[in-house]
């Protein structure tokens, strides 16, 4: 299933993940505002997918700028990038992709604006292609950590749907299956928006990988009864010391994994590592609309007027992370030194 696809007519199609698993439909985005809206409402989600979609969104915005002057064009592109960057503050891949696109323009000395538009599209296509290749490399490195017969617990959705294709955490699971390993998946439902139930379970069933769905509050008992062998999740941002921001509920899993002596792995591309932040305390945590908690499918499940707190992410401290799986290999503690080595390799 394609998360997104660029059409030659100058249109980006995004798989509307808010409709899954009941309906497979694509949104047609003809301007950057369409892409920004899709990112905000989680029609496209997952850090790598958001970054790739934003790259295409910037391309759409550049195509619609009515100017032939290079400086005016560059100013307009930067303004569009700033708007796109503000849509989801936690996922660092968003800013990474936009910064990469802007940098590409600045190193191109072409004065023709139409040529610069082509440069942006080519770079967005490259980001898309590289993401799929990167995920396959993550899978190759990570599958070596999964013994045959493993029961793997995962949280939220870090699969093909969260990327340009193949996936990070689920990419490791796919690679293990492709290597002939007999493994099964346990998917947290991932409240409040149920990405595990709606998306991860759907992906695994489509690929005939055995999957069992549980509610988030069953994970501790699952570990206590020895029905899981390891945990693997994705990430939205990893700081220089190895702290990990991921979908809310990840921290709880890491604490439980430590208590039950189970490996806790994080799978993410290097573009998710933010060396500018010293620790997870500096990560901006997005807070979403309270109705995501008080309502389900548009219907109220809580008493009117009740207060709700809805952070979209939490931060798992590095001492709870067994290893971080990247396209350049598996990184172990001490993360402060080893992340720096692999980033600057």
C-alpha atoms as a PDB file:
ATOM      1  CA  UNK A   1       0.000   0.000   0.000  1.00  0.00           C
ATOM      2  CA  UNK A   2       1.450   3.370  -1.058  1.00  0.00           C
ATOM      3  CA  UNK A   3       1.410   5.986   1.700  1.00  0.00           C
ATOM      4  CA  UNK A   4       1.749   8.726  -0.908  1.00  0.00           C
ATOM      5  CA  UNK A   5       2.345   9.147  -4.615  1.00  0.00           C
ATOM      6  CA  UNK A   6       3.290  12.066  -6.807  1.00  0.00           C
ATOM      7  CA  UNK A   7       1.284  12.477 -10.004  1.00  0.00           C
ATOM      8  CA  UNK A   8       2.868  14.010 -13.087  1.00  0.00           C
ATOM      9  CA  UNK A   9       0.016  16.505 -13.301  1.00  0.00           C
ATOM     10  CA  UNK A  10       1.535  18.234 -10.270  1.00  0.00           C
ATOM     11  CA  UNK A  11      -0.553  16.682  -7.523  1.00  0.00           C
ATOM     12  CA  UNK A  12       0.318  14.726  -4.394  1.00  0.00           C
ATOM     13  CA  UNK A  13      -1.982  11.895  -3.380  1.00  0.00           C
ATOM     14  CA  UNK A  14      -1.948  10.932   0.290  1.00  0.00           C
ATOM     15  CA  UNK A  15      -3.504   7.798   1.711  1.00  0.00           C
ATOM     16  CA  UNK A  16      -6.104   9.086   4.193  1.00  0.00           C
ATOM     17  CA  UNK A  17      -5.172   7.104   7.282  1.00  0.00           C
ATOM     18  CA  UNK A  18      -8.097   8.499   9.257  1.00  0.00           C
ATOM     19  CA  UNK A  19     -10.366   6.296   7.132  1.00  0.00           C
ATOM     20  CA  UNK A  20      -8.439   3.058   7.726  1.00  0.00           C
ATOM     21  CA  UNK A  21      -9.086   0.189   8.189  1.00  0.00           C
ATOM     22  CA  UNK A  22     -12.633   0.454   6.847  1.00  0.00           C
ATOM     23  CA  UNK A  23     -11.927   2.470   3.725  1.00  0.00           C
ATOM     24  CA  UNK A  24      -8.914   2.946   1.453  1.00  0.00           C
ATOM     25  CA  UNK A  25      -9.055   6.408  -0.085  1.00  0.00           C
ATOM     26  CA  UNK A  26      -6.532   8.976  -1.285  1.00  0.00           C
ATOM     27  CA  UNK A  27      -6.584  12.731  -0.777  1.00  0.00           C
ATOM     28  CA  UNK A  28      -5.570  14.898  -3.711  1.00  0.00           C
ATOM     29  CA  UNK A  29      -3.300  17.718  -2.567  1.00  0.00           C
ATOM     30  CA  UNK A  30      -2.798  20.472  -5.127  1.00  0.00           C
ATOM     31  CA  UNK A  31      -1.288  23.058  -2.804  1.00  0.00           C
ATOM     32  CA  UNK A  32       0.868  23.108   0.316  1.00  0.00           C
ATOM     33  CA  UNK A  33      -2.145  24.100   2.421  1.00  0.00           C
ATOM     34  CA  UNK A  34      -3.784  20.779   1.517  1.00  0.00           C
ATOM     35  CA  UNK A  35      -0.670  18.952   2.718  1.00  0.00           C
ATOM     36  CA  UNK A  36      -0.482  21.020   5.904  1.00  0.00           C
ATOM     37  CA  UNK A  37      -4.120  20.220   6.695  1.00  0.00           C
ATOM     38  CA  UNK A  38      -3.536  16.510   6.050  1.00  0.00           C
ATOM     39  CA  UNK A  39      -0.548  16.490   8.426  1.00  0.00           C
ATOM     40  CA  UNK A  40      -2.454  18.355  11.143  1.00  0.00           C
ATOM     41  CA  UNK A  41      -5.432  15.997  11.133  1.00  0.00           C
ATOM     42  CA  UNK A  42      -3.251  12.865  10.891  1.00  0.00           C
ATOM     43  CA  UNK A  43      -4.386  11.836   7.426  1.00  0.00           C
ATOM     44  CA  UNK A  44      -0.646  11.321   6.998  1.00  0.00           C
ATOM     45  CA  UNK A  45       1.308  10.515  10.171  1.00  0.00           C
ATOM     46  CA  UNK A  46       4.526   8.934  11.341  1.00  0.00           C
ATOM     47  CA  UNK A  47       7.711  10.994  11.449  1.00  0.00           C
ATOM     48  CA  UNK A  48       9.326   9.802   8.171  1.00  0.00           C
ATOM     49  CA  UNK A  49       6.029  10.018   6.248  1.00  0.00           C
ATOM     50  CA  UNK A  50       5.384  13.515   7.580  1.00  0.00           C
ATOM     51  CA  UNK A  51       8.836  14.648   6.466  1.00  0.00           C
ATOM     52  CA  UNK A  52       8.403  13.210   2.980  1.00  0.00           C
ATOM     53  CA  UNK A  53       4.895  14.642   2.605  1.00  0.00           C
ATOM     54  CA  UNK A  54       6.162  18.054   3.721  1.00  0.00           C
ATOM     55  CA  UNK A  55       8.896  17.933   1.057  1.00  0.00           C
ATOM     56  CA  UNK A  56       6.241  17.398  -1.587  1.00  0.00           C
ATOM     57  CA  UNK A  57       4.064  20.049   0.057  1.00  0.00           C
ATOM     58  CA  UNK A  58       6.893  22.575  -0.260  1.00  0.00           C
ATOM     59  CA  UNK A  59       7.219  21.603  -3.922  1.00  0.00           C
ATOM     60  CA  UNK A  60       3.507  22.227  -4.484  1.00  0.00           C
ATOM     61  CA  UNK A  61       3.749  25.585  -2.772  1.00  0.00           C
ATOM     62  CA  UNK A  62       6.727  26.558  -4.916  1.00  0.00           C
ATOM     63  CA  UNK A  63       4.871  25.588  -8.076  1.00  0.00           C
ATOM     64  CA  UNK A  64       2.032  27.930  -7.150  1.00  0.00           C
ATOM     65  CA  UNK A  65       4.189  30.973  -6.356  1.00  0.00           C
ATOM     66  CA  UNK A  66       3.498  33.717  -8.906  1.00  0.00           C
ATOM     67  CA  UNK A  67       6.920  35.173  -9.401  1.00  0.00           C
ATOM     68  CA  UNK A  68       9.880  34.973 -11.761  1.00  0.00           C
ATOM     69  CA  UNK A  69      12.315  36.728  -9.431  1.00  0.00           C
ATOM     70  CA  UNK A  70      14.673  34.368  -7.627  1.00  0.00           C
ATOM     71  CA  UNK A  71      14.915  36.309  -4.350  1.00  0.00           C
ATOM     72  CA  UNK A  72      11.156  36.732  -4.139  1.00  0.00           C
ATOM     73  CA  UNK A  73      10.752  33.046  -4.942  1.00  0.00           C
ATOM     74  CA  UNK A  74      13.204  31.998  -2.221  1.00  0.00           C
ATOM     75  CA  UNK A  75      11.452  34.234   0.300  1.00  0.00           C
ATOM     76  CA  UNK A  76       8.094  32.674  -0.583  1.00  0.00           C
ATOM     77  CA  UNK A  77       9.459  29.142  -0.312  1.00  0.00           C
ATOM     78  CA  UNK A  78      10.904  29.882   3.137  1.00  0.00           C
ATOM     79  CA  UNK A  79       7.556  31.234   4.314  1.00  0.00           C
ATOM     80  CA  UNK A  80       5.800  28.081   3.094  1.00  0.00           C
ATOM     81  CA  UNK A  81       8.399  25.910   4.816  1.00  0.00           C
ATOM     82  CA  UNK A  82       7.788  27.794   8.070  1.00  0.00           C
ATOM     83  CA  UNK A  83       4.042  27.109   7.846  1.00  0.00           C
ATOM     84  CA  UNK A  84       4.563  23.431   7.130  1.00  0.00           C
ATOM     85  CA  UNK A  85       7.101  23.107   9.935  1.00  0.00           C
ATOM     86  CA  UNK A  86       4.562  24.378  12.474  1.00  0.00           C
ATOM     87  CA  UNK A  87       2.014  21.636  11.763  1.00  0.00           C
ATOM     88  CA  UNK A  88       3.577  18.987  14.069  1.00  0.00           C
ATOM     89  CA  UNK A  89       6.215  20.285  16.514  1.00  0.00           C
ATOM     90  CA  UNK A  90       7.549  16.993  17.905  1.00  0.00           C
ATOM     91  CA  UNK A  91       8.480  14.976  14.804  1.00  0.00           C
ATOM     92  CA  UNK A  92      11.940  16.232  13.842  1.00  0.00           C
ATOM     93  CA  UNK A  93      11.845  14.588  10.384  1.00  0.00           C
ATOM     94  CA  UNK A  94       9.447  17.353   9.336  1.00  0.00           C
ATOM     95  CA  UNK A  95      11.986  20.094   9.982  1.00  0.00           C
ATOM     96  CA  UNK A  96      14.834  17.920   8.672  1.00  0.00           C
ATOM     97  CA  UNK A  97      13.154  17.412   5.282  1.00  0.00           C
ATOM     98  CA  UNK A  98      12.221  21.074   4.888  1.00  0.00           C
ATOM     99  CA  UNK A  99      15.715  22.243   5.869  1.00  0.00           C
ATOM    100  CA  UNK A 100      17.178  19.847   3.324  1.00  0.00           C
ATOM    101  CA  UNK A 101      14.897  21.225   0.593  1.00  0.00           C
ATOM    102  CA  UNK A 102      15.788  24.845   1.393  1.00  0.00           C
ATOM    103  CA  UNK A 103      19.486  24.036   1.514  1.00  0.00           C
ATOM    104  CA  UNK A 104      19.230  22.444  -1.930  1.00  0.00           C
ATOM    105  CA  UNK A 105      17.863  25.704  -3.325  1.00  0.00           C
ATOM    106  CA  UNK A 106      20.622  27.779  -1.770  1.00  0.00           C
ATOM    107  CA  UNK A 107      23.439  25.713  -3.233  1.00  0.00           C
ATOM    108  CA  UNK A 108      21.895  25.936  -6.720  1.00  0.00           C
ATOM    109  CA  UNK A 109      23.150  29.040  -8.539  1.00  0.00           C
ATOM    110  CA  UNK A 110      20.472  28.851 -11.231  1.00  0.00           C
ATOM    111  CA  UNK A 111      18.563  32.132 -11.597  1.00  0.00           C
ATOM    112  CA  UNK A 112      15.623  30.572 -13.466  1.00  0.00           C
ATOM    113  CA  UNK A 113      12.695  30.048 -11.096  1.00  0.00           C
ATOM    114  CA  UNK A 114      11.195  27.222 -13.146  1.00  0.00           C
ATOM    115  CA  UNK A 115      14.471  25.345 -12.914  1.00  0.00           C
ATOM    116  CA  UNK A 116      14.426  25.799  -9.133  1.00  0.00           C
ATOM    117  CA  UNK A 117      10.936  24.316  -9.001  1.00  0.00           C
ATOM    118  CA  UNK A 118      12.313  21.271 -10.798  1.00  0.00           C
ATOM    119  CA  UNK A 119      15.169  21.095  -8.285  1.00  0.00           C
ATOM    120  CA  UNK A 120      12.641  20.939  -5.428  1.00  0.00           C
ATOM    121  CA  UNK A 121      10.620  18.170  -7.055  1.00  0.00           C
ATOM    122  CA  UNK A 122      13.752  16.134  -7.730  1.00  0.00           C
ATOM    123  CA  UNK A 123      14.854  16.531  -4.115  1.00  0.00           C
ATOM    124  CA  UNK A 124      11.413  15.518  -2.802  1.00  0.00           C
ATOM    125  CA  UNK A 125      11.516  12.422  -5.014  1.00  0.00           C
ATOM    126  CA  UNK A 126      14.973  11.640  -3.659  1.00  0.00           C
ATOM    127  CA  UNK A 127      13.788  11.962  -0.042  1.00  0.00           C
ATOM    128  CA  UNK A 128      10.935   9.582  -0.865  1.00  0.00           C
ATOM    129  CA  UNK A 129      13.212   6.992  -2.486  1.00  0.00           C
ATOM    130  CA  UNK A 130      15.883   7.257   0.200  1.00  0.00           C
ATOM    131  CA  UNK A 131      13.318   6.715   2.950  1.00  0.00           C
ATOM    132  CA  UNK A 132      12.270   3.353   1.520  1.00  0.00           C
ATOM    133  CA  UNK A 133      15.913   2.287   1.078  1.00  0.00           C
ATOM    134  CA  UNK A 134      16.739   3.482   4.597  1.00  0.00           C
ATOM    135  CA  UNK A 135      13.883   1.495   6.099  1.00  0.00           C
ATOM    136  CA  UNK A 136      15.052  -1.672   4.385  1.00  0.00           C
ATOM    137  CA  UNK A 137      18.523  -1.153   5.835  1.00  0.00           C
ATOM    138  CA  UNK A 138      17.010  -0.626   9.304  1.00  0.00           C
ATOM    139  CA  UNK A 139      15.097  -3.855   8.834  1.00  0.00           C
ATOM    140  CA  UNK A 140      18.212  -5.745   7.804  1.00  0.00           C
ATOM    141  CA  UNK A 141      20.159  -4.601  10.868  1.00  0.00           C
ATOM    142  CA  UNK A 142      17.257  -5.007  13.259  1.00  0.00           C
ATOM    143  CA  UNK A 143      16.069  -8.449  12.265  1.00  0.00           C
ATOM    144  CA  UNK A 144      19.314  -9.924  13.595  1.00  0.00           C
ATOM    145  CA  UNK A 145      18.098  -8.950  17.086  1.00  0.00           C
ATOM    146  CA  UNK A 146      14.888 -10.962  16.769  1.00  0.00           C
ATOM    147  CA  UNK A 147      15.287 -14.666  17.551  1.00  0.00           C
ATOM    148  CA  UNK A 148      13.228 -17.215  15.666  1.00  0.00           C
ATOM    149  CA  UNK A 149       9.902 -17.804  17.402  1.00  0.00           C
ATOM    150  CA  UNK A 150       9.785 -14.367  19.030  1.00  0.00           C
ATOM    151  CA  UNK A 151       6.589 -12.696  20.134  1.00  0.00           C
ATOM    152  CA  UNK A 152       7.130  -9.005  19.465  1.00  0.00           C
ATOM    153  CA  UNK A 153       5.152  -6.243  21.155  1.00  0.00           C
ATOM    154  CA  UNK A 154       4.847  -2.907  19.350  1.00  0.00           C
ATOM    155  CA  UNK A 155       3.074   0.376  19.989  1.00  0.00           C
ATOM    156  CA  UNK A 156       1.295   2.804  17.669  1.00  0.00           C
ATOM    157  CA  UNK A 157       2.188   2.317  13.980  1.00  0.00           C
ATOM    158  CA  UNK A 158       5.780   2.422  12.757  1.00  0.00           C
ATOM    159  CA  UNK A 159       5.102   0.514   9.578  1.00  0.00           C
ATOM    160  CA  UNK A 160       4.857   1.314   5.885  1.00  0.00           C
ATOM    161  CA  UNK A 161       2.020   3.699   6.696  1.00  0.00           C
ATOM    162  CA  UNK A 162       4.303   5.808   8.912  1.00  0.00           C
ATOM    163  CA  UNK A 163       6.984   6.111   6.229  1.00  0.00           C
ATOM    164  CA  UNK A 164       7.345   6.371   2.479  1.00  0.00           C
ATOM    165  CA  UNK A 165       7.245   2.571   2.526  1.00  0.00           C
ATOM    166  CA  UNK A 166       8.313  -0.612   4.374  1.00  0.00           C
ATOM    167  CA  UNK A 167       8.480   0.881   7.870  1.00  0.00           C
ATOM    168  CA  UNK A 168      10.885   1.215  10.801  1.00  0.00           C
ATOM    169  CA  UNK A 169       9.756  -0.949  13.741  1.00  0.00           C
ATOM    170  CA  UNK A 170       7.447  -2.971  11.496  1.00  0.00           C
ATOM    171  CA  UNK A 171      10.173  -2.938   8.872  1.00  0.00           C
ATOM    172  CA  UNK A 172      12.353  -4.905  11.300  1.00  0.00           C
ATOM    173  CA  UNK A 173       9.484  -7.359  11.750  1.00  0.00           C
ATOM    174  CA  UNK A 174       9.009  -7.631   7.982  1.00  0.00           C
ATOM    175  CA  UNK A 175      12.722  -8.261   7.504  1.00  0.00           C
ATOM    176  CA  UNK A 176      12.665 -10.996  10.149  1.00  0.00           C
ATOM    177  CA  UNK A 177       9.813 -12.708   8.330  1.00  0.00           C
ATOM    178  CA  UNK A 178      11.614 -12.322   4.999  1.00  0.00           C
ATOM    179  CA  UNK A 179      14.615 -13.998   6.642  1.00  0.00           C
ATOM    180  CA  UNK A 180      12.418 -17.007   7.309  1.00  0.00           C
ATOM    181  CA  UNK A 181      11.855 -16.440  11.024  1.00  0.00           C
ATOM    182  CA  UNK A 182       8.636 -17.626  12.586  1.00  0.00           C
ATOM    183  CA  UNK A 183       7.584 -14.572  14.597  1.00  0.00           C
ATOM    184  CA  UNK A 184       4.307 -13.061  15.724  1.00  0.00           C
ATOM    185  CA  UNK A 185       3.231  -9.533  16.643  1.00  0.00           C
ATOM    186  CA  UNK A 186       1.279  -8.163  19.585  1.00  0.00           C
ATOM    187  CA  UNK A 187      -0.134  -4.713  18.830  1.00  0.00           C
ATOM    188  CA  UNK A 188      -1.090  -2.215  21.499  1.00  0.00           C
ATOM    189  CA  UNK A 189      -4.315  -0.505  20.439  1.00  0.00           C
ATOM    190  CA  UNK A 190      -2.623   2.870  21.160  1.00  0.00           C
ATOM    191  CA  UNK A 191      -5.178   5.195  22.671  1.00  0.00           C
ATOM    192  CA  UNK A 192      -6.682   7.663  22.092  1.00  0.00           C
ATOM    193  CA  UNK A 193      -6.569   7.440  18.268  1.00  0.00           C
ATOM    194  CA  UNK A 194      -6.035   3.677  18.026  1.00  0.00           C
ATOM    195  CA  UNK A 195      -3.218   3.637  15.460  1.00  0.00           C
ATOM    196  CA  UNK A 196      -2.231   0.175  16.660  1.00  0.00           C
ATOM    197  CA  UNK A 197      -5.723  -1.212  16.247  1.00  0.00           C
ATOM    198  CA  UNK A 198      -6.578   0.594  13.025  1.00  0.00           C
ATOM    199  CA  UNK A 199      -3.207   0.628  11.250  1.00  0.00           C
ATOM    200  CA  UNK A 200      -0.657  -1.843  12.637  1.00  0.00           C
ATOM    201  CA  UNK A 201      -3.158  -4.692  12.887  1.00  0.00           C
ATOM    202  CA  UNK A 202      -4.354  -3.871   9.361  1.00  0.00           C
ATOM    203  CA  UNK A 203      -0.804  -3.894   7.946  1.00  0.00           C
ATOM    204  CA  UNK A 204       0.079  -7.199   9.602  1.00  0.00           C
ATOM    205  CA  UNK A 205      -3.106  -8.914   8.444  1.00  0.00           C
ATOM    206  CA  UNK A 206      -2.519  -7.751   4.860  1.00  0.00           C
ATOM    207  CA  UNK A 207       0.949  -9.327   4.966  1.00  0.00           C
ATOM    208  CA  UNK A 208      -0.199 -12.520   6.690  1.00  0.00           C
ATOM    209  CA  UNK A 209       1.995 -11.875   9.732  1.00  0.00           C
ATOM    210  CA  UNK A 210       0.297 -13.303  12.852  1.00  0.00           C
ATOM    211  CA  UNK A 211      -0.937 -10.428  15.011  1.00  0.00           C
ATOM    212  CA  UNK A 212      -2.854 -10.187  18.282  1.00  0.00           C
ATOM    213  CA  UNK A 213      -4.460  -6.926  19.389  1.00  0.00           C
ATOM    214  CA  UNK A 214      -4.442  -5.881  23.055  1.00  0.00           C
ATOM    215  CA  UNK A 215      -5.550  -2.773  24.935  1.00  0.00           C
ATOM    216  CA  UNK A 216      -2.731  -0.590  26.207  1.00  0.00           C
ATOM    217  CA  UNK A 217      -3.375  -1.472  29.858  1.00  0.00           C
ATOM    218  CA  UNK A 218      -2.869  -5.196  29.189  1.00  0.00           C
ATOM    219  CA  UNK A 219       0.832  -4.874  28.343  1.00  0.00           C
ATOM    220  CA  UNK A 220       2.110  -5.252  31.920  1.00  0.00           C
ATOM    221  CA  UNK A 221       0.154  -8.426  32.546  1.00  0.00           C
ATOM    222  CA  UNK A 222       1.252  -9.741  29.149  1.00  0.00           C
ATOM    223  CA  UNK A 223       4.875  -9.365  30.240  1.00  0.00           C
ATOM    224  CA  UNK A 224       4.228 -10.794  33.700  1.00  0.00           C
ATOM    225  CA  UNK A 225       2.702 -13.923  32.187  1.00  0.00           C
ATOM    226  CA  UNK A 226       5.710 -14.321  29.866  1.00  0.00           C
ATOM    227  CA  UNK A 227       3.723 -13.973  26.652  1.00  0.00           C
ATOM    228  CA  UNK A 228       6.077 -11.480  24.980  1.00  0.00           C
ATOM    229  CA  UNK A 229       9.797 -11.721  24.231  1.00  0.00           C
ATOM    230  CA  UNK A 230      10.796  -8.204  23.215  1.00  0.00           C
ATOM    231  CA  UNK A 231       9.434  -4.748  22.456  1.00  0.00           C
ATOM    232  CA  UNK A 232      10.225  -2.685  19.377  1.00  0.00           C
ATOM    233  CA  UNK A 233       8.866   0.787  18.642  1.00  0.00           C
ATOM    234  CA  UNK A 234       9.546   3.696  16.318  1.00  0.00           C
ATOM    235  CA  UNK A 235      10.456   7.271  17.244  1.00  0.00           C
ATOM    236  CA  UNK A 236       9.511  10.833  16.409  1.00  0.00           C
ATOM    237  CA  UNK A 237      12.667  12.388  17.836  1.00  0.00           C
ATOM    238  CA  UNK A 238      15.825  11.065  19.507  1.00  0.00           C
ATOM    239  CA  UNK A 239      18.085  13.502  21.334  1.00  0.00           C
ATOM    240  CA  UNK A 240      21.882  13.496  21.540  1.00  0.00           C
ATOM    241  CA  UNK A 241      21.862  11.473  24.777  1.00  0.00           C
ATOM    242  CA  UNK A 242      19.516   8.785  23.410  1.00  0.00           C
ATOM    243  CA  UNK A 243      16.244   9.944  24.987  1.00  0.00           C
ATOM    244  CA  UNK A 244      13.329   8.983  22.734  1.00  0.00           C
ATOM    245  CA  UNK A 245      10.091  10.821  21.995  1.00  0.00           C
ATOM    246  CA  UNK A 246       7.417   8.523  20.611  1.00  0.00           C
ATOM    247  CA  UNK A 247       3.658   8.067  20.713  1.00  0.00           C
ATOM    248  CA  UNK A 248       2.172   8.497  24.175  1.00  0.00           C
ATOM    249  CA  UNK A 249       2.313   5.198  26.037  1.00  0.00           C
ATOM    250  CA  UNK A 250       5.815   4.270  24.882  1.00  0.00           C
ATOM    251  CA  UNK A 251       7.405   5.333  28.166  1.00  0.00           C
ATOM    252  CA  UNK A 252       5.066   3.043  30.103  1.00  0.00           C
ATOM    253  CA  UNK A 253       6.105   0.103  27.937  1.00  0.00           C
ATOM    254  CA  UNK A 254       9.789   0.866  28.493  1.00  0.00           C
ATOM    255  CA  UNK A 255       9.343   0.940  32.277  1.00  0.00           C
ATOM    256  CA  UNK A 256       7.453  -2.354  32.168  1.00  0.00           C
ATOM    257  CA  UNK A 257      10.081  -3.912  29.900  1.00  0.00           C
ATOM    258  CA  UNK A 258      12.813  -2.945  32.372  1.00  0.00           C
ATOM    259  CA  UNK A 259      10.831  -4.405  35.271  1.00  0.00           C
ATOM    260  CA  UNK A 260      10.395  -7.700  33.411  1.00  0.00           C
ATOM    261  CA  UNK A 261      13.955  -7.859  32.007  1.00  0.00           C
ATOM    262  CA  UNK A 262      12.823  -7.645  28.372  1.00  0.00           C
ATOM    263  CA  UNK A 263      14.732  -5.961  25.528  1.00  0.00           C
ATOM    264  CA  UNK A 264      13.295  -2.581  24.499  1.00  0.00           C
ATOM    265  CA  UNK A 265      14.402  -1.539  21.000  1.00  0.00           C
ATOM    266  CA  UNK A 266      13.817   1.677  19.071  1.00  0.00           C
ATOM    267  CA  UNK A 267      13.973   1.634  15.263  1.00  0.00           C
ATOM    268  CA  UNK A 268      14.462   4.968  13.504  1.00  0.00           C
ATOM    269  CA  UNK A 269      16.402   6.583  10.660  1.00  0.00           C
ATOM    270  CA  UNK A 270      19.267   8.950  11.376  1.00  0.00           C
ATOM    271  CA  UNK A 271      17.023  11.825  10.268  1.00  0.00           C
ATOM    272  CA  UNK A 272      15.035  11.267  13.479  1.00  0.00           C
ATOM    273  CA  UNK A 273      18.107  11.937  15.643  1.00  0.00           C
ATOM    274  CA  UNK A 274      18.291  15.562  16.738  1.00  0.00           C
ATOM    275  CA  UNK A 275      21.826  16.245  17.924  1.00  0.00           C
ATOM    276  CA  UNK A 276      20.926  19.875  18.651  1.00  0.00           C
ATOM    277  CA  UNK A 277      18.977  18.811  21.751  1.00  0.00           C
ATOM    278  CA  UNK A 278      20.920  17.517  24.745  1.00  0.00           C
ATOM    279  CA  UNK A 279      18.086  15.517  26.282  1.00  0.00           C
ATOM    280  CA  UNK A 280      14.419  14.656  26.052  1.00  0.00           C
ATOM    281  CA  UNK A 281      13.567  17.479  28.457  1.00  0.00           C
ATOM    282  CA  UNK A 282      14.114  19.878  25.528  1.00  0.00           C
ATOM    283  CA  UNK A 283      11.750  18.132  23.102  1.00  0.00           C
ATOM    284  CA  UNK A 284       8.568  20.119  22.364  1.00  0.00           C
ATOM    285  CA  UNK A 285       5.631  17.813  23.099  1.00  0.00           C
ATOM    286  CA  UNK A 286       2.553  18.398  20.988  1.00  0.00           C
ATOM    287  CA  UNK A 287      -0.753  18.601  22.839  1.00  0.00           C
ATOM    288  CA  UNK A 288      -3.802  17.766  20.771  1.00  0.00           C
ATOM    289  CA  UNK A 289      -7.495  18.588  21.013  1.00  0.00           C
ATOM    290  CA  UNK A 290      -9.167  17.228  24.155  1.00  0.00           C
ATOM    291  CA  UNK A 291     -12.022  15.788  22.081  1.00  0.00           C
ATOM    292  CA  UNK A 292      -9.684  13.008  20.943  1.00  0.00           C
ATOM    293  CA  UNK A 293     -10.053  11.717  24.523  1.00  0.00           C
ATOM    294  CA  UNK A 294     -13.619  12.736  25.317  1.00  0.00           C
ATOM    295  CA  UNK A 295     -15.097  11.538  22.021  1.00  0.00           C
ATOM    296  CA  UNK A 296     -14.860   8.350  19.974  1.00  0.00           C
ATOM    297  CA  UNK A 297     -15.923   8.407  16.326  1.00  0.00           C
ATOM    298  CA  UNK A 298     -17.592  11.737  16.940  1.00  0.00           C
ATOM    299  CA  UNK A 299     -19.637  10.515  19.899  1.00  0.00           C
ATOM    300  CA  UNK A 300     -19.045  11.654  23.471  1.00  0.00           C
ATOM    301  CA  UNK A 301     -17.742   8.974  25.855  1.00  0.00           C
ATOM    302  CA  UNK A 302     -17.111  11.347  28.771  1.00  0.00           C
ATOM    303  CA  UNK A 303     -19.379  13.643  30.773  1.00  0.00           C
ATOM    304  CA  UNK A 304     -19.773  17.138  29.267  1.00  0.00           C
ATOM    305  CA  UNK A 305     -17.412  19.702  30.755  1.00  0.00           C
ATOM    306  CA  UNK A 306     -14.796  17.269  32.038  1.00  0.00           C
ATOM    307  CA  UNK A 307     -11.197  18.465  31.683  1.00  0.00           C
ATOM    308  CA  UNK A 308      -8.818  16.378  29.580  1.00  0.00           C
ATOM    309  CA  UNK A 309      -5.048  16.362  29.014  1.00  0.00           C
ATOM    310  CA  UNK A 310      -3.909  15.040  25.659  1.00  0.00           C
ATOM    311  CA  UNK A 311      -0.140  14.990  24.976  1.00  0.00           C
ATOM    312  CA  UNK A 312       0.499  13.172  21.709  1.00  0.00           C
ATOM    313  CA  UNK A 313       3.947  11.921  22.758  1.00  0.00           C
ATOM    314  CA  UNK A 314       6.001  10.990  25.786  1.00  0.00           C
ATOM    315  CA  UNK A 315       9.745  10.750  26.356  1.00  0.00           C
ATOM    316  CA  UNK A 316      11.524   7.506  27.213  1.00  0.00           C
ATOM    317  CA  UNK A 317      14.853   8.152  29.012  1.00  0.00           C
ATOM    318  CA  UNK A 318      17.905   6.534  27.488  1.00  0.00           C
ATOM    319  CA  UNK A 319      18.574   4.161  30.378  1.00  0.00           C
ATOM    320  CA  UNK A 320      15.409   2.263  29.455  1.00  0.00           C
ATOM    321  CA  UNK A 321      16.433   1.795  25.795  1.00  0.00           C
ATOM    322  CA  UNK A 322      18.322  -1.430  25.057  1.00  0.00           C
ATOM    323  CA  UNK A 323      19.454  -0.306  21.597  1.00  0.00           C
ATOM    324  CA  UNK A 324      18.586   2.061  18.760  1.00  0.00           C
ATOM    325  CA  UNK A 325      18.386   0.497  15.298  1.00  0.00           C
ATOM    326  CA  UNK A 326      19.374   2.757  12.387  1.00  0.00           C
ATOM    327  CA  UNK A 327      20.274   2.369   8.725  1.00  0.00           C
ATOM    328  CA  UNK A 328      23.968   2.418   9.709  1.00  0.00           C
ATOM    329  CA  UNK A 329      23.658  -0.285  12.304  1.00  0.00           C
ATOM    330  CA  UNK A 330      22.586  -0.948  15.876  1.00  0.00           C
ATOM    331  CA  UNK A 331      23.628   1.637  18.459  1.00  0.00           C
ATOM    332  CA  UNK A 332      24.111   0.645  22.099  1.00  0.00           C
ATOM    333  CA  UNK A 333      24.861   2.738  25.200  1.00  0.00           C
ATOM    334  CA  UNK A 334      26.707   4.966  25.870  1.00  0.00           C
ATOM    335  CA  UNK A 335      24.418   6.860  23.514  1.00  0.00           C
ATOM    336  CA  UNK A 336      26.006  10.297  23.915  1.00  0.00           C
ATOM    337  CA  UNK A 337      29.248   9.002  22.423  1.00  0.00           C
ATOM    338  CA  UNK A 338      27.892   6.370  20.063  1.00  0.00           C
ATOM    339  CA  UNK A 339      25.177   8.519  18.470  1.00  0.00           C
ATOM    340  CA  UNK A 340      27.748  11.219  17.791  1.00  0.00           C
ATOM    341  CA  UNK A 341      30.074   8.668  16.170  1.00  0.00           C
ATOM    342  CA  UNK A 342      27.403   7.248  13.885  1.00  0.00           C
ATOM    343  CA  UNK A 343      25.973  10.643  12.903  1.00  0.00           C
ATOM    344  CA  UNK A 344      29.410  11.998  12.006  1.00  0.00           C
ATOM    345  CA  UNK A 345      30.571   8.784  10.330  1.00  0.00           C
END
